[in-house]
Amino acid sequence: MKLSLAILATAAATGTTAATFKETALNKHNAARGHHHDLKLKWSDSLAKIAQGHVNSCEFKHKVEGTYGQNIGWTSWTGGTAPSAVTKMSDMIGSGWYSGELAAYKNYWGKEPNMDNFEKFGHMTQLIWKSTTSVGCAYKLCNGGKAYFFECNYQAPGNYVGQFAKNVPKPR
């Protein structure tokens, strides 16, 4: 109930419905995954609840407190009213976490990556990780209404050293 109230309060302030946010986040994840394989994610309310608890602090850092993977993102703007959280989340997943990191992984398809470059591709590899089956995301309007903090949690987690070759397939 607290999760629903937190999402609804933020949604009302930004003109975003919780259902639209959930649907967009899930669809953007599955669209990116579809470039590599046919394994679609399912939505997890429990992972979304964990994410909401983290983003409510507006403290931009990873807080993994269990056996799940995590992507976080922060986007800000100047002037005017807050843009749609749905639009910003769609951009974060599609242009940031996925296509924004795809080129950094180009030399690693089918093998283990150089983990010294992990920060350049880690969002993308978690997003398309084959053994991941569910995702739950949340957001919070932060920084005096001038930024969104997004978090998506994943079950089963990805980005395990020694398992990239079998879990991060080359684009089709």
Protein backbone atom coordinates (compact mmCIF):
# COMPACT_ATOMS: atom_id res chain seq x y z
CA MET A 1 0.00 0.00 0.00
CA LYS A 2 2.85 2.43 0.81
CA LEU A 3 4.44 1.72 -2.60
CA SER A 4 1.19 2.46 -4.39
CA LEU A 5 0.74 5.72 -2.49
CA ALA A 6 4.32 6.83 -3.19
CA ILE A 7 4.01 6.08 -6.90
CA LEU A 8 0.60 7.74 -7.08
CA ALA A 9 1.82 10.87 -5.29
CA THR A 10 4.77 11.26 -7.65
CA ALA A 11 2.63 10.33 -10.64
CA ALA A 12 0.05 12.98 -9.79
CA ALA A 13 2.77 15.62 -9.55
CA THR A 14 4.19 14.71 -12.96
CA GLY A 15 1.10 13.71 -14.94
CA THR A 16 2.23 10.08 -15.14
CA THR A 17 0.08 7.11 -14.20
CA ALA A 18 1.66 4.16 -12.42
CA ALA A 19 0.21 1.76 -15.01
CA THR A 20 1.65 3.75 -17.92
CA PHE A 21 5.07 3.95 -16.25
CA LYS A 22 5.09 0.20 -15.56
CA GLU A 23 3.95 -0.68 -19.09
CA THR A 24 6.53 1.63 -20.71
CA ALA A 25 9.41 0.39 -18.56
CA LEU A 26 8.55 -3.25 -19.29
CA ASN A 27 8.01 -2.67 -23.02
CA LYS A 28 11.31 -0.76 -23.41
CA HIS A 29 13.19 -3.56 -21.65
CA ASN A 30 11.58 -6.23 -23.82
CA ALA A 31 12.15 -4.24 -27.02
CA ALA A 32 15.88 -4.01 -26.26
CA ARG A 33 16.05 -7.69 -25.33
CA GLY A 34 14.23 -8.55 -28.56
CA HIS A 35 17.24 -7.35 -30.55
CA HIS A 36 19.21 -10.24 -28.99
CA HIS A 37 16.79 -13.04 -28.03
CA ASP A 38 13.11 -13.85 -27.48
CA LEU A 39 13.15 -14.08 -23.67
CA LYS A 40 10.76 -11.42 -22.36
CA LEU A 41 10.81 -10.07 -18.84
CA LYS A 42 7.78 -10.10 -16.56
CA TRP A 43 6.96 -7.26 -14.18
CA SER A 44 7.71 -7.80 -10.49
CA ASP A 45 5.81 -5.68 -7.98
CA SER A 46 8.20 -6.80 -5.23
CA LEU A 47 11.26 -5.57 -7.18
CA ALA A 48 9.43 -2.31 -7.94
CA LYS A 49 8.67 -1.88 -4.23
CA ILE A 50 12.37 -2.26 -3.38
CA ALA A 51 13.23 0.27 -6.10
CA GLN A 52 10.65 2.74 -4.79
CA GLY A 53 12.12 2.49 -1.31
CA HIS A 54 15.55 3.39 -2.69
CA VAL A 55 14.58 6.24 -5.03
CA ASN A 56 12.44 7.91 -2.36
CA SER A 57 15.70 9.00 -0.68
CA CYS A 58 16.81 10.87 -3.84
CA GLU A 59 20.30 9.61 -2.96
CA PHE A 60 21.85 8.57 -6.27
CA LYS A 61 23.79 5.40 -5.49
CA HIS A 62 23.38 1.66 -5.87
CA LYS A 63 21.67 -0.03 -2.93
CA VAL A 64 21.55 -3.73 -3.66
CA GLU A 65 20.24 -5.45 -0.53
CA GLY A 66 19.55 -8.92 -1.82
CA THR A 67 19.87 -11.29 -4.69
CA TYR A 68 18.87 -9.03 -7.55
CA GLY A 69 20.63 -6.91 -10.16
CA GLN A 70 20.17 -3.16 -10.41
CA ASN A 71 20.38 -0.29 -12.88
CA ILE A 72 20.04 3.30 -11.70
CA GLY A 73 19.82 6.54 -13.62
CA TRP A 74 19.42 10.25 -13.00
CA THR A 75 18.16 12.82 -15.47
CA SER A 76 17.71 16.53 -14.88
CA TRP A 77 16.58 19.67 -16.70
CA THR A 78 16.44 23.41 -16.18
CA GLY A 79 13.37 25.61 -16.18
CA GLY A 80 9.74 24.78 -16.71
CA THR A 81 7.64 22.00 -15.32
CA ALA A 82 8.78 18.41 -14.97
CA PRO A 83 8.68 16.43 -18.20
CA SER A 84 6.81 13.13 -18.20
CA ALA A 85 8.48 10.41 -16.15
CA VAL A 86 7.34 7.95 -18.82
CA THR A 87 9.21 9.87 -21.52
CA LYS A 88 12.33 10.23 -19.40
CA MET A 89 12.28 6.53 -18.40
CA SER A 90 11.79 5.52 -22.02
CA ASP A 91 14.82 7.62 -23.00
CA MET A 92 16.88 6.28 -20.09
CA ILE A 93 16.28 2.64 -21.00
CA GLY A 94 16.36 2.95 -24.79
CA SER A 95 18.97 5.62 -25.44
CA GLY A 96 21.00 5.46 -22.24
CA TRP A 97 21.16 1.97 -20.81
CA TYR A 98 20.73 0.12 -24.11
CA SER A 99 21.84 1.89 -27.29
CA GLY A 100 24.08 4.30 -25.39
CA GLU A 101 26.21 1.38 -24.18
CA LEU A 102 25.88 -1.06 -27.09
CA ALA A 103 28.98 0.20 -28.95
CA ALA A 104 31.17 -0.21 -25.86
CA TYR A 105 30.45 -3.96 -25.93
CA LYS A 106 31.08 -4.52 -29.66
CA ASN A 107 34.39 -6.37 -29.17
CA TYR A 108 33.02 -8.77 -26.56
CA TRP A 109 30.11 -10.60 -28.22
CA GLY A 110 30.48 -14.32 -27.54
CA LYS A 111 33.29 -13.93 -25.01
CA GLU A 112 34.06 -12.50 -21.63
CA PRO A 113 34.48 -8.70 -21.53
CA ASN A 114 37.29 -6.65 -20.08
CA MET A 115 35.78 -5.69 -16.73
CA ASP A 116 37.93 -2.57 -16.60
CA ASN A 117 35.32 -1.14 -19.00
CA PHE A 118 32.29 -2.39 -17.05
CA GLU A 119 30.91 1.10 -16.34
CA LYS A 120 30.63 1.62 -20.12
CA PHE A 121 28.37 -1.41 -20.76
CA GLY A 122 27.04 -2.76 -17.45
CA HIS A 123 23.53 -1.29 -17.73
CA MET A 124 23.09 -2.78 -21.21
CA THR A 125 24.35 -6.24 -20.27
CA GLN A 126 22.05 -6.42 -17.22
CA LEU A 127 19.12 -5.28 -19.34
CA ILE A 128 19.56 -8.06 -21.95
CA TRP A 129 20.98 -10.77 -19.62
CA LYS A 130 19.33 -14.01 -20.78
CA SER A 131 18.80 -15.65 -17.39
CA THR A 132 17.04 -12.57 -16.00
CA THR A 133 13.28 -13.19 -15.94
CA SER A 134 11.71 -10.23 -14.14
CA VAL A 135 12.10 -6.51 -13.61
CA GLY A 136 10.58 -3.90 -11.33
CA CYS A 137 11.24 -0.17 -11.68
CA ALA A 138 10.40 3.01 -9.83
CA TYR A 139 11.10 6.72 -9.99
CA LYS A 140 11.08 9.80 -7.81
CA LEU A 141 11.01 13.48 -8.71
CA CYS A 142 14.04 14.94 -6.88
CA ASN A 143 16.28 17.99 -6.74
CA GLY A 144 13.49 20.49 -6.14
CA GLY A 145 11.42 19.06 -8.98
CA LYS A 146 14.26 19.34 -11.52
CA ALA A 147 15.42 15.71 -11.76
CA TYR A 148 14.20 12.14 -11.82
CA PHE A 149 15.92 9.27 -10.06
CA PHE A 150 15.13 5.95 -11.76
CA GLU A 151 15.88 2.46 -10.53
CA CYS A 152 15.19 -0.93 -12.08
CA ASN A 153 15.87 -4.16 -10.20
CA TYR A 154 16.30 -7.52 -11.92
CA GLN A 155 15.76 -11.15 -10.92
CA ALA A 156 17.82 -13.24 -11.55
CA PRO A 157 20.71 -10.79 -11.43
CA GLY A 158 23.17 -10.50 -14.29
CA ASN A 159 26.71 -9.32 -14.90
CA TYR A 160 28.45 -12.35 -13.42
CA VAL A 161 32.09 -12.74 -14.42
CA GLY A 162 32.49 -15.94 -16.42
CA GLN A 163 28.86 -15.93 -17.61
CA PHE A 164 28.77 -13.07 -20.13
CA ALA A 165 29.39 -15.22 -23.23
CA LYS A 166 26.28 -17.33 -22.64
CA ASN A 167 24.00 -14.56 -21.28
CA VAL A 168 24.76 -11.56 -23.51
CA PRO A 169 24.05 -12.65 -27.09
CA LYS A 170 25.10 -10.65 -30.12
CA PRO A 171 22.39 -8.56 -31.78
CA ARG A 172 20.50 -10.55 -34.41
